C-alpha atoms as a PDB file:
ATOM      1  CA  UNK A   1     -44.252 -14.253 -60.759  1.00  0.00           C
ATOM      2  CA  UNK A   2     -41.619 -11.959 -60.183  1.00  0.00           C
ATOM      3  CA  UNK A   3     -41.785  -8.491 -61.141  1.00  0.00           C
ATOM      4  CA  UNK A   4     -39.875  -7.391 -64.671  1.00  0.00           C
ATOM      5  CA  UNK A   5     -37.190  -5.208 -64.568  1.00  0.00           C
ATOM      6  CA  UNK A   6     -36.383  -1.821 -64.350  1.00  0.00           C
ATOM      7  CA  UNK A   7     -34.908  -0.693 -67.392  1.00  0.00           C
ATOM      8  CA  UNK A   8     -31.428   0.849 -67.259  1.00  0.00           C
ATOM      9  CA  UNK A   9     -31.924   4.792 -66.958  1.00  0.00           C
ATOM     10  CA  UNK A  10     -29.699   7.045 -65.092  1.00  0.00           C
ATOM     11  CA  UNK A  11     -32.582   7.984 -63.224  1.00  0.00           C
ATOM     12  CA  UNK A  12     -33.159   4.266 -62.227  1.00  0.00           C
ATOM     13  CA  UNK A  13     -29.306   3.612 -61.520  1.00  0.00           C
ATOM     14  CA  UNK A  14     -29.432   6.803 -59.127  1.00  0.00           C
ATOM     15  CA  UNK A  15     -32.448   5.595 -57.348  1.00  0.00           C
ATOM     16  CA  UNK A  16     -30.770   2.090 -56.880  1.00  0.00           C
ATOM     17  CA  UNK A  17     -27.231   4.455 -55.265  1.00  0.00           C
ATOM     18  CA  UNK A  18     -30.356   5.923 -53.067  1.00  0.00           C
ATOM     19  CA  UNK A  19     -31.691   2.569 -52.045  1.00  0.00           C
ATOM     20  CA  UNK A  20     -28.164   1.074 -51.362  1.00  0.00           C
ATOM     21  CA  UNK A  21     -27.282   4.516 -49.442  1.00  0.00           C
ATOM     22  CA  UNK A  22     -30.348   4.223 -47.067  1.00  0.00           C
ATOM     23  CA  UNK A  23     -29.730   0.599 -46.575  1.00  0.00           C
ATOM     24  CA  UNK A  24     -26.108   0.810 -45.267  1.00  0.00           C
ATOM     25  CA  UNK A  25     -26.545   4.033 -43.276  1.00  0.00           C
ATOM     26  CA  UNK A  26     -29.688   1.181 -41.279  1.00  0.00           C
ATOM     27  CA  UNK A  27     -26.889  -1.126 -40.803  1.00  0.00           C
ATOM     28  CA  UNK A  28     -24.273   1.177 -39.415  1.00  0.00           C
ATOM     29  CA  UNK A  29     -27.260   2.683 -36.802  1.00  0.00           C
ATOM     30  CA  UNK A  30     -27.366  -1.090 -36.367  1.00  0.00           C
ATOM     31  CA  UNK A  31     -24.187  -1.647 -35.994  1.00  0.00           C
ATOM     32  CA  UNK A  32     -23.877   1.641 -33.221  1.00  0.00           C
ATOM     33  CA  UNK A  33     -27.093   0.618 -30.958  1.00  0.00           C
ATOM     34  CA  UNK A  34     -25.511  -3.330 -31.047  1.00  0.00           C
ATOM     35  CA  UNK A  35     -22.099  -1.614 -30.239  1.00  0.00           C
ATOM     36  CA  UNK A  36     -23.157   0.515 -27.054  1.00  0.00           C
ATOM     37  CA  UNK A  37     -25.990  -2.584 -25.765  1.00  0.00           C
ATOM     38  CA  UNK A  38     -22.381  -4.675 -26.074  1.00  0.00           C
ATOM     39  CA  UNK A  39     -20.545  -2.064 -23.584  1.00  0.00           C
ATOM     40  CA  UNK A  40     -23.699  -1.624 -21.165  1.00  0.00           C
ATOM     41  CA  UNK A  41     -23.522  -5.331 -20.715  1.00  0.00           C
ATOM     42  CA  UNK A  42     -19.466  -5.171 -20.680  1.00  0.00           C
ATOM     43  CA  UNK A  43     -20.052  -2.316 -17.565  1.00  0.00           C
ATOM     44  CA  UNK A  44     -22.730  -4.538 -15.937  1.00  0.00           C
ATOM     45  CA  UNK A  45     -20.909  -7.803 -15.982  1.00  0.00           C
ATOM     46  CA  UNK A  46     -17.764  -6.113 -14.835  1.00  0.00           C
ATOM     47  CA  UNK A  47     -19.587  -4.508 -12.081  1.00  0.00           C
ATOM     48  CA  UNK A  48     -21.092  -7.538 -11.029  1.00  0.00           C
ATOM     49  CA  UNK A  49     -17.667  -9.416 -10.585  1.00  0.00           C
ATOM     50  CA  UNK A  50     -16.735  -6.548  -8.730  1.00  0.00           C
ATOM     51  CA  UNK A  51     -19.355  -7.188  -6.386  1.00  0.00           C
ATOM     52  CA  UNK A  52     -19.078 -10.753  -6.097  1.00  0.00           C
ATOM     53  CA  UNK A  53     -15.191 -10.376  -5.572  1.00  0.00           C
ATOM     54  CA  UNK A  54     -15.533  -7.757  -2.726  1.00  0.00           C
ATOM     55  CA  UNK A  55     -18.474 -10.113  -1.030  1.00  0.00           C
ATOM     56  CA  UNK A  56     -15.833 -12.670  -0.830  1.00  0.00           C
ATOM     57  CA  UNK A  57     -12.878 -10.789   0.428  1.00  0.00           C
ATOM     58  CA  UNK A  58     -15.583  -9.663   3.207  1.00  0.00           C
ATOM     59  CA  UNK A  59     -16.539 -13.402   3.752  1.00  0.00           C
ATOM     60  CA  UNK A  60     -12.661 -14.173   3.850  1.00  0.00           C
ATOM     61  CA  UNK A  61     -12.085 -11.378   5.897  1.00  0.00           C
ATOM     62  CA  UNK A  62     -14.541 -11.962   8.880  1.00  0.00           C
ATOM     63  CA  UNK A  63     -12.768 -13.858  11.519  1.00  0.00           C
ATOM     64  CA  UNK A  64      -9.768 -14.600   9.858  1.00  0.00           C
ATOM     65  CA  UNK A  65      -7.759 -13.146  12.767  1.00  0.00           C
ATOM     66  CA  UNK A  66      -8.979 -15.874  15.041  1.00  0.00           C
ATOM     67  CA  UNK A  67      -8.561 -18.737  12.835  1.00  0.00           C
ATOM     68  CA  UNK A  68      -5.118 -18.130  12.458  1.00  0.00           C
ATOM     69  CA  UNK A  69      -4.802 -17.294  15.798  1.00  0.00           C
ATOM     70  CA  UNK A  70      -6.150 -20.550  16.395  1.00  0.00           C
ATOM     71  CA  UNK A  71      -3.808 -21.958  14.258  1.00  0.00           C
ATOM     72  CA  UNK A  72      -0.862 -20.373  16.985  1.00  0.00           C
ATOM     73  CA  UNK A  73      -0.197 -16.804  15.295  1.00  0.00           C
ATOM     74  CA  UNK A  74      -0.996 -15.000  18.233  1.00  0.00           C
ATOM     75  CA  UNK A  75      -1.819 -11.350  18.871  1.00  0.00           C
ATOM     76  CA  UNK A  76      -2.680 -10.513  15.375  1.00  0.00           C
ATOM     77  CA  UNK A  77      -4.135  -7.173  15.902  1.00  0.00           C
ATOM     78  CA  UNK A  78      -4.648  -5.492  12.430  1.00  0.00           C
ATOM     79  CA  UNK A  79      -6.174  -7.021   9.072  1.00  0.00           C
ATOM     80  CA  UNK A  80      -6.253  -4.208   6.372  1.00  0.00           C
ATOM     81  CA  UNK A  81      -8.145  -5.173   2.840  1.00  0.00           C
ATOM     82  CA  UNK A  82      -6.615  -3.990  -0.503  1.00  0.00           C
ATOM     83  CA  UNK A  83      -2.574  -2.927   0.525  1.00  0.00           C
ATOM     84  CA  UNK A  84      -1.584  -1.444  -2.030  1.00  0.00           C
ATOM     85  CA  UNK A  85       2.826  -1.527  -2.570  1.00  0.00           C
ATOM     86  CA  UNK A  86       4.936   0.402  -5.135  1.00  0.00           C
ATOM     87  CA  UNK A  87       8.538   0.867  -5.817  1.00  0.00           C
ATOM     88  CA  UNK A  88       9.356   2.858  -8.844  1.00  0.00           C
ATOM     89  CA  UNK A  89      13.132   2.690  -8.879  1.00  0.00           C
ATOM     90  CA  UNK A  90      13.235  -1.272  -8.590  1.00  0.00           C
ATOM     91  CA  UNK A  91       9.793  -1.439 -10.784  1.00  0.00           C
ATOM     92  CA  UNK A  92       7.869  -3.444  -7.992  1.00  0.00           C
ATOM     93  CA  UNK A  93       4.106  -2.720  -7.574  1.00  0.00           C
ATOM     94  CA  UNK A  94       1.031  -4.545  -6.207  1.00  0.00           C
ATOM     95  CA  UNK A  95      -1.573  -5.380  -4.250  1.00  0.00           C
ATOM     96  CA  UNK A  96      -3.089  -7.694  -1.342  1.00  0.00           C
ATOM     97  CA  UNK A  97      -6.374  -8.834  -0.745  1.00  0.00           C
ATOM     98  CA  UNK A  98      -5.882  -9.102   3.137  1.00  0.00           C
ATOM     99  CA  UNK A  99      -3.146  -8.013   5.346  1.00  0.00           C
ATOM    100  CA  UNK A 100      -3.376  -9.889   8.990  1.00  0.00           C
ATOM    101  CA  UNK A 101      -0.406  -8.453  10.728  1.00  0.00           C
ATOM    102  CA  UNK A 102       1.076  -8.106  14.708  1.00  0.00           C
ATOM    103  CA  UNK A 103       4.762  -6.751  15.247  1.00  0.00           C
ATOM    104  CA  UNK A 104       6.762  -9.966  14.181  1.00  0.00           C
ATOM    105  CA  UNK A 105       4.805 -11.203  11.308  1.00  0.00           C
ATOM    106  CA  UNK A 106       2.551 -10.494   8.536  1.00  0.00           C
ATOM    107  CA  UNK A 107       0.315 -12.986   6.536  1.00  0.00           C
ATOM    108  CA  UNK A 108      -0.797 -11.991   3.085  1.00  0.00           C
ATOM    109  CA  UNK A 109      -3.751 -13.123   1.702  1.00  0.00           C
ATOM    110  CA  UNK A 110      -5.191 -13.465  -1.837  1.00  0.00           C
ATOM    111  CA  UNK A 111      -8.701 -13.940  -2.282  1.00  0.00           C
ATOM    112  CA  UNK A 112     -10.420 -15.116  -5.271  1.00  0.00           C
ATOM    113  CA  UNK A 113     -14.094 -16.004  -6.518  1.00  0.00           C
ATOM    114  CA  UNK A 114     -12.960 -18.968  -8.496  1.00  0.00           C
ATOM    115  CA  UNK A 115      -9.084 -20.222  -7.190  1.00  0.00           C
ATOM    116  CA  UNK A 116      -7.363 -21.628  -9.644  1.00  0.00           C
ATOM    117  CA  UNK A 117      -3.877 -23.138  -9.676  1.00  0.00           C
ATOM    118  CA  UNK A 118      -2.785 -20.173 -12.289  1.00  0.00           C
ATOM    119  CA  UNK A 119      -3.521 -17.742  -9.042  1.00  0.00           C
ATOM    120  CA  UNK A 120      -1.371 -19.535  -6.658  1.00  0.00           C
ATOM    121  CA  UNK A 121       1.265 -19.328  -8.970  1.00  0.00           C
ATOM    122  CA  UNK A 122       0.550 -15.429  -9.505  1.00  0.00           C
ATOM    123  CA  UNK A 123       0.397 -15.218  -5.618  1.00  0.00           C
ATOM    124  CA  UNK A 124       3.841 -16.707  -5.105  1.00  0.00           C
ATOM    125  CA  UNK A 125       4.950 -13.925  -7.705  1.00  0.00           C
ATOM    126  CA  UNK A 126       3.549 -11.166  -5.711  1.00  0.00           C
ATOM    127  CA  UNK A 127       4.654 -12.692  -2.093  1.00  0.00           C
ATOM    128  CA  UNK A 128       8.246 -12.157  -3.926  1.00  0.00           C
ATOM    129  CA  UNK A 129       7.646  -8.893  -5.275  1.00  0.00           C
ATOM    130  CA  UNK A 130       6.559  -7.932  -1.860  1.00  0.00           C
ATOM    131  CA  UNK A 131       9.636  -9.210  -0.043  1.00  0.00           C
ATOM    132  CA  UNK A 132      12.049  -7.160  -2.299  1.00  0.00           C
ATOM    133  CA  UNK A 133       9.567  -4.258  -1.581  1.00  0.00           C
ATOM    134  CA  UNK A 134      10.330  -4.464   2.206  1.00  0.00           C
ATOM    135  CA  UNK A 135      13.754  -5.419   1.825  1.00  0.00           C
ATOM    136  CA  UNK A 136      14.439  -2.063   0.227  1.00  0.00           C
ATOM    137  CA  UNK A 137      12.916   0.192   2.395  1.00  0.00           C
ATOM    138  CA  UNK A 138      15.171  -1.855   5.117  1.00  0.00           C
ATOM    139  CA  UNK A 139      13.171  -1.468   8.657  1.00  0.00           C
ATOM    140  CA  UNK A 140      10.672  -3.706   7.942  1.00  0.00           C
ATOM    141  CA  UNK A 141      12.586  -7.705   9.230  1.00  0.00           C
ATOM    142  CA  UNK A 142       9.262  -9.407   9.783  1.00  0.00           C
ATOM    143  CA  UNK A 143       8.382 -12.556   8.694  1.00  0.00           C
ATOM    144  CA  UNK A 144       5.409 -12.855   5.710  1.00  0.00           C
ATOM    145  CA  UNK A 145       3.636 -15.879   5.226  1.00  0.00           C
ATOM    146  CA  UNK A 146       1.342 -16.293   2.180  1.00  0.00           C
ATOM    147  CA  UNK A 147      -2.613 -18.127   2.170  1.00  0.00           C
ATOM    148  CA  UNK A 148      -4.933 -17.915  -0.639  1.00  0.00           C
ATOM    149  CA  UNK A 149      -8.366 -18.184  -0.821  1.00  0.00           C
ATOM    150  CA  UNK A 150     -11.353 -19.484  -3.229  1.00  0.00           C
ATOM    151  CA  UNK A 151     -15.292 -19.214  -2.868  1.00  0.00           C
ATOM    152  CA  UNK A 152     -14.457 -21.915  -5.281  1.00  0.00           C
ATOM    153  CA  UNK A 153     -11.148 -24.063  -5.860  1.00  0.00           C
ATOM    154  CA  UNK A 154     -10.595 -25.819  -8.826  1.00  0.00           C
ATOM    155  CA  UNK A 155      -8.003 -28.334 -10.094  1.00  0.00           C
ATOM    156  CA  UNK A 156      -5.327 -28.641  -7.664  1.00  0.00           C
ATOM    157  CA  UNK A 157      -4.649 -25.389  -6.879  1.00  0.00           C
ATOM    158  CA  UNK A 158      -5.059 -26.825  -3.170  1.00  0.00           C
ATOM    159  CA  UNK A 159      -2.120 -29.103  -3.409  1.00  0.00           C
ATOM    160  CA  UNK A 160       0.066 -26.609  -5.260  1.00  0.00           C
ATOM    161  CA  UNK A 161      -0.565 -24.050  -2.426  1.00  0.00           C
ATOM    162  CA  UNK A 162       0.464 -26.204   0.241  1.00  0.00           C
ATOM    163  CA  UNK A 163       3.292 -27.827  -1.251  1.00  0.00           C
ATOM    164  CA  UNK A 164       4.191 -24.231  -1.484  1.00  0.00           C
ATOM    165  CA  UNK A 165       3.992 -23.408   1.600  1.00  0.00           C
ATOM    166  CA  UNK A 166       1.063 -21.401   1.373  1.00  0.00           C
ATOM    167  CA  UNK A 167      -2.355 -21.824   3.929  1.00  0.00           C
ATOM    168  CA  UNK A 168      -5.697 -22.343   1.955  1.00  0.00           C
ATOM    169  CA  UNK A 169      -8.803 -21.203   3.090  1.00  0.00           C
ATOM    170  CA  UNK A 170     -12.255 -22.247   1.806  1.00  0.00           C
ATOM    171  CA  UNK A 171     -15.534 -22.140   2.484  1.00  0.00           C
ATOM    172  CA  UNK A 172     -17.300 -24.015   5.111  1.00  0.00           C
ATOM    173  CA  UNK A 173     -20.494 -24.392   6.132  1.00  0.00           C
ATOM    174  CA  UNK A 174     -20.559 -21.318   8.533  1.00  0.00           C
ATOM    175  CA  UNK A 175     -18.170 -19.120   6.767  1.00  0.00           C
ATOM    176  CA  UNK A 176     -14.511 -19.850   6.056  1.00  0.00           C
ATOM    177  CA  UNK A 177     -11.859 -22.247   7.036  1.00  0.00           C
ATOM    178  CA  UNK A 178      -8.235 -22.877   6.859  1.00  0.00           C
ATOM    179  CA  UNK A 179      -7.873 -26.425   5.425  1.00  0.00           C
ATOM    180  CA  UNK A 180      -5.440 -27.883   8.109  1.00  0.00           C
ATOM    181  CA  UNK A 181      -1.740 -28.325   7.028  1.00  0.00           C
ATOM    182  CA  UNK A 182      -0.181 -31.714   6.494  1.00  0.00           C
ATOM    183  CA  UNK A 183       1.369 -32.868   9.307  1.00  0.00           C
ATOM    184  CA  UNK A 184       5.608 -31.289   8.833  1.00  0.00           C
ATOM    185  CA  UNK A 185       4.059 -28.379   7.063  1.00  0.00           C
ATOM    186  CA  UNK A 186       5.965 -25.641   7.518  1.00  0.00           C
ATOM    187  CA  UNK A 187       4.808 -21.996   6.038  1.00  0.00           C
ATOM    188  CA  UNK A 188       6.946 -20.752   3.782  1.00  0.00           C
ATOM    189  CA  UNK A 189       8.421 -17.209   5.164  1.00  0.00           C
ATOM    190  CA  UNK A 190       9.660 -15.035   2.045  1.00  0.00           C
END
């Protein structure tokens, strides 16, 4: 059995407004708490994603010089992470995850936790930008080749990369390996 409705008096109407106001305030407080929790969760996930990405880059960097030397790229003497480039005049900027080089050639490697075809396309664009950046400087006439790496590789990313003259680096039992290119494969130079 439900309670009898309250008579409509000014005092009763004011009490209903006060109760409604309290409920709105409580709802606002709960929404703010939820928003803060979402922000904390987002920060935690971003930090984890960054850590996993750094782990994959370190894994690929491990013995990458030796892997490319085994393919005939001799005297590679430097491997650096996160090489940034920028030319304000041309509106070019970017970052190379791993940059392996000697005096004659440099290998620009994009590393992804999950490598997809879209990542390969973006790296090809990055290689083209880097070539324009280097040409604008005028002093460096080396050849640049590209490679992509992924802890997990999806779709047709491997085929697409190889068709576009990029080496593909994947996980193997011990660490990482470069997929043997097909016969007649020529690394594209930028």
